[in-house]
Amino acid sequence: EGGRRWRAHSASGFLDSVRQRHLNAAHARA
């Protein structure tokens, strides 16, 4: 239809990414 369709990934993959982003942000603040 010309738009975008979003497909979910498994939780195990993206949770590591979320945790790493959190650690990176905390380190950047320090």
PDB file of all heavy atoms in Angstrom:
ATOM      1  N   GLU A   1       0.817  -1.217   0.000  1.00  0.00           N
ATOM      2  CA  GLU A   1       0.000   0.000   0.000  1.00  0.00           C
ATOM      3  C   GLU A   1       0.851   1.267   0.000  1.00  0.00           C
ATOM      4  O   GLU A   1       0.331   2.378   0.016  1.00  0.00           O
ATOM      5  CB  GLU A   1      -0.933   0.022   1.211  1.00  0.00           C
ATOM      6  CG  GLU A   1      -2.031  -1.035   1.188  1.00  0.00           C
ATOM      7  CD  GLU A   1      -1.513  -2.392   1.608  1.00  0.00           C
ATOM      8  OE1 GLU A   1      -0.392  -2.438   2.170  1.00  0.00           O
ATOM      9  OE2 GLU A   1      -2.205  -3.400   1.367  1.00  0.00           O
ATOM     10  N   GLY A   2       2.164   1.132   0.013  1.00  0.00           N
ATOM     11  CA  GLY A   2       3.037   2.296  -0.012  1.00  0.00           C
ATOM     12  C   GLY A   2       3.501   2.753   1.352  1.00  0.00           C
ATOM     13  O   GLY A   2       4.311   3.662   1.446  1.00  0.00           O
ATOM     14  N   GLY A   3       3.003   2.177   2.417  1.00  0.00           N
ATOM     15  CA  GLY A   3       3.443   2.557   3.751  1.00  0.00           C
ATOM     16  C   GLY A   3       4.530   1.619   4.263  1.00  0.00           C
ATOM     17  O   GLY A   3       5.255   0.991   3.483  1.00  0.00           O
ATOM     18  N   ARG A   4       4.631   1.533   5.595  1.00  0.00           N
ATOM     19  CA  ARG A   4       5.621   0.643   6.195  1.00  0.00           C
ATOM     20  C   ARG A   4       4.913  -0.315   7.134  1.00  0.00           C
ATOM     21  O   ARG A   4       3.992   0.058   7.863  1.00  0.00           O
ATOM     22  CB  ARG A   4       6.694   1.434   6.969  1.00  0.00           C
ATOM     23  CG  ARG A   4       7.654   2.153   6.050  1.00  0.00           C
ATOM     24  CD  ARG A   4       8.718   2.913   6.841  1.00  0.00           C
ATOM     25  NE  ARG A   4       9.667   2.033   7.512  1.00  0.00           N
ATOM     26  CZ  ARG A   4      10.682   1.417   6.893  1.00  0.00           C
ATOM     27  NH1 ARG A   4      10.841   1.550   5.586  1.00  0.00           N
ATOM     28  NH2 ARG A   4      11.517   0.673   7.578  1.00  0.00           N
ATOM     29  N   ARG A   5       5.354  -1.544   7.106  1.00  0.00           N
ATOM     30  CA  ARG A   5       4.822  -2.558   7.998  1.00  0.00           C
ATOM     31  C   ARG A   5       5.935  -2.950   8.966  1.00  0.00           C
ATOM     32  O   ARG A   5       7.074  -3.171   8.565  1.00  0.00           O
ATOM     33  CB  ARG A   5       4.361  -3.777   7.180  1.00  0.00           C
ATOM     34  CG  ARG A   5       3.807  -4.908   8.026  1.00  0.00           C
ATOM     35  CD  ARG A   5       3.370  -6.051   7.139  1.00  0.00           C
ATOM     36  NE  ARG A   5       2.352  -5.585   6.190  1.00  0.00           N
ATOM     37  CZ  ARG A   5       2.101  -6.181   5.047  1.00  0.00           C
ATOM     38  NH1 ARG A   5       2.809  -7.237   4.656  1.00  0.00           N
ATOM     39  NH2 ARG A   5       1.144  -5.721   4.248  1.00  0.00           N
ATOM     40  N   TRP A   6       5.588  -3.003  10.246  1.00  0.00           N
ATOM     41  CA  TRP A   6       6.596  -3.281  11.285  1.00  0.00           C
ATOM     42  C   TRP A   6       6.468  -4.728  11.760  1.00  0.00           C
ATOM     43  O   TRP A   6       5.383  -5.198  12.076  1.00  0.00           O
ATOM     44  CB  TRP A   6       6.429  -2.320  12.463  1.00  0.00           C
ATOM     45  CG  TRP A   6       6.623  -0.892  12.067  1.00  0.00           C
ATOM     46  CD1 TRP A   6       5.675   0.014  11.723  1.00  0.00           C
ATOM     47  CD2 TRP A   6       7.867  -0.234  11.923  1.00  0.00           C
ATOM     48  NE1 TRP A   6       6.227   1.216  11.393  1.00  0.00           N
ATOM     49  CE2 TRP A   6       7.596   1.100  11.512  1.00  0.00           C
ATOM     50  CE3 TRP A   6       9.200  -0.608  12.109  1.00  0.00           C
ATOM     51  CZ2 TRP A   6       8.582   2.035  11.278  1.00  0.00           C
ATOM     52  CZ3 TRP A   6      10.205   0.324  11.889  1.00  0.00           C
ATOM     53  CH2 TRP A   6       9.893   1.625  11.472  1.00  0.00           C
ATOM     54  N   ARG A   7       7.612  -5.406  11.825  1.00  0.00           N
ATOM     55  CA  ARG A   7       7.662  -6.793  12.248  1.00  0.00           C
ATOM     56  C   ARG A   7       8.528  -6.913  13.494  1.00  0.00           C
ATOM     57  O   ARG A   7       9.660  -6.414  13.532  1.00  0.00           O
ATOM     58  CB  ARG A   7       8.245  -7.656  11.125  1.00  0.00           C
ATOM     59  CG  ARG A   7       8.430  -9.125  11.466  1.00  0.00           C
ATOM     60  CD  ARG A   7       8.827  -9.908  10.216  1.00  0.00           C
ATOM     61  NE  ARG A   7       9.962  -9.291   9.542  1.00  0.00           N
ATOM     62  CZ  ARG A   7      11.242  -9.508   9.892  1.00  0.00           C
ATOM     63  NH1 ARG A   7      11.526 -10.277  10.942  1.00  0.00           N
ATOM     64  NH2 ARG A   7      12.217  -8.935   9.233  1.00  0.00           N
ATOM     65  N   ALA A   8       7.995  -7.556  14.528  1.00  0.00           N
ATOM     66  CA  ALA A   8       8.719  -7.672  15.796  1.00  0.00           C
ATOM     67  C   ALA A   8       9.813  -8.731  15.707  1.00  0.00           C
ATOM     68  O   ALA A   8       9.636  -9.771  15.070  1.00  0.00           O
ATOM     69  CB  ALA A   8       7.749  -8.025  16.926  1.00  0.00           C
ATOM     70  N   HIS A   9      10.948  -8.444  16.362  1.00  0.00           N
ATOM     71  CA  HIS A   9      12.022  -9.416  16.511  1.00  0.00           C
ATOM     72  C   HIS A   9      11.858 -10.145  17.836  1.00  0.00           C
ATOM     73  O   HIS A   9      11.112  -9.720  18.718  1.00  0.00           O
ATOM     74  CB  HIS A   9      13.385  -8.725  16.471  1.00  0.00           C
ATOM     75  CG  HIS A   9      13.775  -8.285  15.100  1.00  0.00           C
ATOM     76  ND1 HIS A   9      14.778  -7.373  14.871  1.00  0.00           N
ATOM     77  CD2 HIS A   9      13.295  -8.617  13.873  1.00  0.00           C
ATOM     78  CE1 HIS A   9      14.907  -7.176  13.580  1.00  0.00           C
ATOM     79  NE2 HIS A   9      14.013  -7.912  12.950  1.00  0.00           N
ATOM     80  N   SER A  10      12.621 -11.201  18.040  1.00  0.00           N
ATOM     81  CA  SER A  10      12.580 -11.922  19.313  1.00  0.00           C
ATOM     82  C   SER A  10      13.156 -11.051  20.416  1.00  0.00           C
ATOM     83  O   SER A  10      14.071 -10.253  20.185  1.00  0.00           O
ATOM     84  CB  SER A  10      13.369 -13.228  19.220  1.00  0.00           C
ATOM     85  OG  SER A  10      14.744 -12.957  19.022  1.00  0.00           O
ATOM     86  N   ALA A  11      12.641 -11.223  21.624  1.00  0.00           N
ATOM     87  CA  ALA A  11      13.062 -10.388  22.755  1.00  0.00           C
ATOM     88  C   ALA A  11      14.524 -10.583  23.095  1.00  0.00           C
ATOM     89  O   ALA A  11      15.222  -9.638  23.479  1.00  0.00           O
ATOM     90  CB  ALA A  11      12.196 -10.697  23.973  1.00  0.00           C
ATOM     91  N   SER A  12      15.042 -11.814  22.971  1.00  0.00           N
ATOM     92  CA  SER A  12      16.421 -12.087  23.400  1.00  0.00           C
ATOM     93  C   SER A  12      17.428 -11.253  22.642  1.00  0.00           C
ATOM     94  O   SER A  12      18.462 -10.861  23.181  1.00  0.00           O
ATOM     95  CB  SER A  12      16.736 -13.572  23.214  1.00  0.00           C
ATOM     96  OG  SER A  12      16.586 -13.940  21.852  1.00  0.00           O
ATOM     97  N   GLY A  13      17.141 -10.954  21.374  1.00  0.00           N
ATOM     98  CA  GLY A  13      18.089 -10.191  20.589  1.00  0.00           C
ATOM     99  C   GLY A  13      18.141  -8.731  20.964  1.00  0.00           C
ATOM    100  O   GLY A  13      19.213  -8.163  21.155  1.00  0.00           O
ATOM    101  N   PHE A  14      16.963  -8.108  21.085  1.00  0.00           N
ATOM    102  CA  PHE A  14      16.985  -6.662  21.288  1.00  0.00           C
ATOM    103  C   PHE A  14      17.216  -6.256  22.742  1.00  0.00           C
ATOM    104  O   PHE A  14      17.644  -5.137  23.011  1.00  0.00           O
ATOM    105  CB  PHE A  14      15.715  -5.997  20.746  1.00  0.00           C
ATOM    106  CG  PHE A  14      14.504  -6.083  21.621  1.00  0.00           C
ATOM    107  CD1 PHE A  14      14.320  -5.183  22.655  1.00  0.00           C
ATOM    108  CD2 PHE A  14      13.529  -7.045  21.393  1.00  0.00           C
ATOM    109  CE1 PHE A  14      13.188  -5.240  23.443  1.00  0.00           C
ATOM    110  CE2 PHE A  14      12.405  -7.106  22.188  1.00  0.00           C
ATOM    111  CZ  PHE A  14      12.227  -6.214  23.216  1.00  0.00           C
ATOM    112  N   LEU A  15      16.979  -7.145  23.713  1.00  0.00           N
ATOM    113  CA  LEU A  15      17.219  -6.773  25.106  1.00  0.00           C
ATOM    114  C   LEU A  15      18.691  -6.473  25.350  1.00  0.00           C
ATOM    115  O   LEU A  15      19.033  -5.556  26.090  1.00  0.00           O
ATOM    116  CB  LEU A  15      16.732  -7.881  26.049  1.00  0.00           C
ATOM    117  CG  LEU A  15      15.221  -7.942  26.268  1.00  0.00           C
ATOM    118  CD1 LEU A  15      14.858  -9.107  27.174  1.00  0.00           C
ATOM    119  CD2 LEU A  15      14.704  -6.632  26.846  1.00  0.00           C
ATOM    120  N   ASP A  16      19.587  -7.259  24.727  1.00  0.00           N
ATOM    121  CA  ASP A  16      21.016  -6.973  24.864  1.00  0.00           C
ATOM    122  C   ASP A  16      21.346  -5.588  24.321  1.00  0.00           C
ATOM    123  O   ASP A  16      22.164  -4.857  24.883  1.00  0.00           O
ATOM    124  CB  ASP A  16      21.845  -8.020  24.117  1.00  0.00           C
ATOM    125  CG  ASP A  16      21.856  -9.355  24.828  1.00  0.00           C
ATOM    126  OD1 ASP A  16      21.549  -9.378  26.038  1.00  0.00           O
ATOM    127  OD2 ASP A  16      22.169 -10.375  24.184  1.00  0.00           O
ATOM    128  N   SER A  17      20.690  -5.220  23.206  1.00  0.00           N
ATOM    129  CA  SER A  17      20.918  -3.903  22.620  1.00  0.00           C
ATOM    130  C   SER A  17      20.431  -2.802  23.553  1.00  0.00           C
ATOM    131  O   SER A  17      21.098  -1.776  23.737  1.00  0.00           O
ATOM    132  CB  SER A  17      20.208  -3.801  21.277  1.00  0.00           C
ATOM    133  OG  SER A  17      20.329  -2.498  20.741  1.00  0.00           O
ATOM    134  N   VAL A  18      19.254  -3.009  24.172  1.00  0.00           N
ATOM    135  CA  VAL A  18      18.718  -2.013  25.111  1.00  0.00           C
ATOM    136  C   VAL A  18      19.650  -1.846  26.304  1.00  0.00           C
ATOM    137  O   VAL A  18      19.949  -0.725  26.745  1.00  0.00           O
ATOM    138  CB  VAL A  18      17.313  -2.426  25.576  1.00  0.00           C
ATOM    139  CG1 VAL A  18      16.822  -1.517  26.700  1.00  0.00           C
ATOM    140  CG2 VAL A  18      16.343  -2.379  24.407  1.00  0.00           C
ATOM    141  N   ARG A  19      20.109  -2.971  26.845  1.00  0.00           N
ATOM    142  CA  ARG A  19      21.020  -2.906  27.999  1.00  0.00           C
ATOM    143  C   ARG A  19      22.316  -2.182  27.653  1.00  0.00           C
ATOM    144  O   ARG A  19      22.817  -1.363  28.413  1.00  0.00           O
ATOM    145  CB  ARG A  19      21.338  -4.327  28.481  1.00  0.00           C
ATOM    146  CG  ARG A  19      20.158  -5.025  29.123  1.00  0.00           C
ATOM    147  CD  ARG A  19      20.430  -6.505  29.290  1.00  0.00           C
ATOM    148  NE  ARG A  19      19.241  -7.225  29.736  1.00  0.00           N
ATOM    149  CZ  ARG A  19      19.026  -8.515  29.516  1.00  0.00           C
ATOM    150  NH1 ARG A  19      19.925  -9.232  28.854  1.00  0.00           N
ATOM    151  NH2 ARG A  19      17.931  -9.093  29.966  1.00  0.00           N
ATOM    152  N   GLN A  20      22.858  -2.465  26.448  1.00  0.00           N
ATOM    153  CA  GLN A  20      24.098  -1.820  26.050  1.00  0.00           C
ATOM    154  C   GLN A  20      23.908  -0.326  25.865  1.00  0.00           C
ATOM    155  O   GLN A  20      24.782   0.476  26.231  1.00  0.00           O
ATOM    156  CB  GLN A  20      24.626  -2.445  24.758  1.00  0.00           C
ATOM    157  CG  GLN A  20      26.046  -2.001  24.398  1.00  0.00           C
ATOM    158  CD  GLN A  20      27.028  -2.318  25.506  1.00  0.00           C
ATOM    159  OE1 GLN A  20      27.091  -3.440  25.996  1.00  0.00           O
ATOM    160  NE2 GLN A  20      27.801  -1.323  25.925  1.00  0.00           N
ATOM    161  N   ARG A  21      22.764   0.071  25.302  1.00  0.00           N
ATOM    162  CA  ARG A  21      22.487   1.504  25.153  1.00  0.00           C
ATOM    163  C   ARG A  21      22.400   2.187  26.499  1.00  0.00           C
ATOM    164  O   ARG A  21      22.878   3.310  26.682  1.00  0.00           O
ATOM    165  CB  ARG A  21      21.182   1.711  24.368  1.00  0.00           C
ATOM    166  CG  ARG A  21      21.295   1.387  22.894  1.00  0.00           C
ATOM    167  CD  ARG A  21      20.013   1.676  22.139  1.00  0.00           C
ATOM    168  NE  ARG A  21      19.654   3.086  22.188  1.00  0.00           N
ATOM    169  CZ  ARG A  21      18.673   3.615  21.497  1.00  0.00           C
ATOM    170  NH1 ARG A  21      17.951   2.865  20.688  1.00  0.00           N
ATOM    171  NH2 ARG A  21      18.384   4.894  21.599  1.00  0.00           N
ATOM    172  N   HIS A  22      21.819   1.491  27.479  1.00  0.00           N
ATOM    173  CA  HIS A  22      21.724   2.044  28.827  1.00  0.00           C
ATOM    174  C   HIS A  22      23.121   2.233  29.418  1.00  0.00           C
ATOM    175  O   HIS A  22      23.430   3.281  30.000  1.00  0.00           O
ATOM    176  CB  HIS A  22      20.889   1.110  29.701  1.00  0.00           C
ATOM    177  CG  HIS A  22      20.851   1.511  31.149  1.00  0.00           C
ATOM    178  ND1 HIS A  22      20.102   2.568  31.605  1.00  0.00           N
ATOM    179  CD2 HIS A  22      21.503   1.008  32.234  1.00  0.00           C
ATOM    180  CE1 HIS A  22      20.273   2.702  32.915  1.00  0.00           C
ATOM    181  NE2 HIS A  22      21.122   1.769  33.310  1.00  0.00           N
ATOM    182  N   LEU A  23      23.980   1.216  29.273  1.00  0.00           N
ATOM    183  CA  LEU A  23      25.341   1.318  29.801  1.00  0.00           C
ATOM    184  C   LEU A  23      26.121   2.418  29.094  1.00  0.00           C
ATOM    185  O   LEU A  23      26.852   3.178  29.734  1.00  0.00           O
ATOM    186  CB  LEU A  23      26.060  -0.022  29.645  1.00  0.00           C
ATOM    187  CG  LEU A  23      25.583  -1.165  30.534  1.00  0.00           C
ATOM    188  CD1 LEU A  23      26.306  -2.449  30.178  1.00  0.00           C
ATOM    189  CD2 LEU A  23      25.800  -0.824  32.006  1.00  0.00           C
ATOM    190  N   ASN A  24      25.962   2.522  27.777  1.00  0.00           N
ATOM    191  CA  ASN A  24      26.661   3.560  27.032  1.00  0.00           C
ATOM    192  C   ASN A  24      26.229   4.948  27.487  1.00  0.00           C
ATOM    193  O   ASN A  24      27.057   5.864  27.608  1.00  0.00           O
ATOM    194  CB  ASN A  24      26.408   3.400  25.534  1.00  0.00           C
ATOM    195  CG  ASN A  24      27.093   2.184  24.953  1.00  0.00           C
ATOM    196  OD1 ASN A  24      27.988   1.616  25.575  1.00  0.00           O
ATOM    197  ND2 ASN A  24      26.674   1.763  23.768  1.00  0.00           N
ATOM    198  N   ALA A  25      24.925   5.117  27.722  1.00  0.00           N
ATOM    199  CA  ALA A  25      24.420   6.418  28.163  1.00  0.00           C
ATOM    200  C   ALA A  25      24.955   6.755  29.552  1.00  0.00           C
ATOM    201  O   ALA A  25      25.346   7.906  29.820  1.00  0.00           O
ATOM    202  CB  ALA A  25      22.893   6.409  28.177  1.00  0.00           C
ATOM    203  N   ALA A  26      24.990   5.766  30.451  1.00  0.00           N
ATOM    204  CA  ALA A  26      25.508   6.005  31.802  1.00  0.00           C
ATOM    205  C   ALA A  26      26.985   6.367  31.747  1.00  0.00           C
ATOM    206  O   ALA A  26      27.448   7.270  32.452  1.00  0.00           O
ATOM    207  CB  ALA A  26      25.294   4.765  32.676  1.00  0.00           C
ATOM    208  N   HIS A  27      27.738   5.663  30.891  1.00  0.00           N
ATOM    209  CA  HIS A  27      29.159   5.971  30.766  1.00  0.00           C
ATOM    210  C   HIS A  27      29.363   7.366  30.188  1.00  0.00           C
ATOM    211  O   HIS A  27      30.238   8.118  30.636  1.00  0.00           O
ATOM    212  CB  HIS A  27      29.835   4.929  29.881  1.00  0.00           C
ATOM    213  CG  HIS A  27      31.307   5.143  29.725  1.00  0.00           C
ATOM    214  ND1 HIS A  27      31.882   5.599  28.570  1.00  0.00           N
ATOM    215  CD2 HIS A  27      32.324   4.985  30.611  1.00  0.00           C
ATOM    216  CE1 HIS A  27      33.176   5.715  28.736  1.00  0.00           C
ATOM    217  NE2 HIS A  27      33.471   5.339  29.960  1.00  0.00           N
ATOM    218  N   ALA A  28      28.549   7.736  29.204  1.00  0.00           N
ATOM    219  CA  ALA A  28      28.667   9.073  28.604  1.00  0.00           C
ATOM    220  C   ALA A  28      28.407  10.153  29.648  1.00  0.00           C
ATOM    221  O   ALA A  28      29.083  11.187  29.666  1.00  0.00           O
ATOM    222  CB  ALA A  28      27.694   9.208  27.437  1.00  0.00           C
ATOM    223  N   ARG A  29      27.422   9.920  30.533  1.00  0.00           N
ATOM    224  CA  ARG A  29      27.146  10.902  31.590  1.00  0.00           C
ATOM    225  C   ARG A  29      28.333  11.020  32.540  1.00  0.00           C
ATOM    226  O   ARG A  29      28.692  12.124  32.968  1.00  0.00           O
ATOM    227  CB  ARG A  29      25.877  10.514  32.356  1.00  0.00           C
ATOM    228  CG  ARG A  29      24.595  10.710  31.565  1.00  0.00           C
ATOM    229  CD  ARG A  29      23.365  10.607  32.466  1.00  0.00           C
ATOM    230  NE  ARG A  29      23.214   9.291  33.061  1.00  0.00           N
ATOM    231  CZ  ARG A  29      22.559   8.283  32.490  1.00  0.00           C
ATOM    232  NH1 ARG A  29      22.005   8.451  31.296  1.00  0.00           N
ATOM    233  NH2 ARG A  29      22.442   7.117  33.105  1.00  0.00           N
ATOM    234  N   ALA A  30      28.943   9.885  32.897  1.00  0.00           N
ATOM    235  CA  ALA A  30      30.098   9.914  33.797  1.00  0.00           C
ATOM    236  C   ALA A  30      31.272  10.652  33.159  1.00  0.00           C
ATOM    237  O   ALA A  30      31.966  11.438  33.818  1.00  0.00           O
ATOM    238  CB  ALA A  30      30.508   8.490  34.179  1.00  0.00           C
TER     239      ALA A  30
END
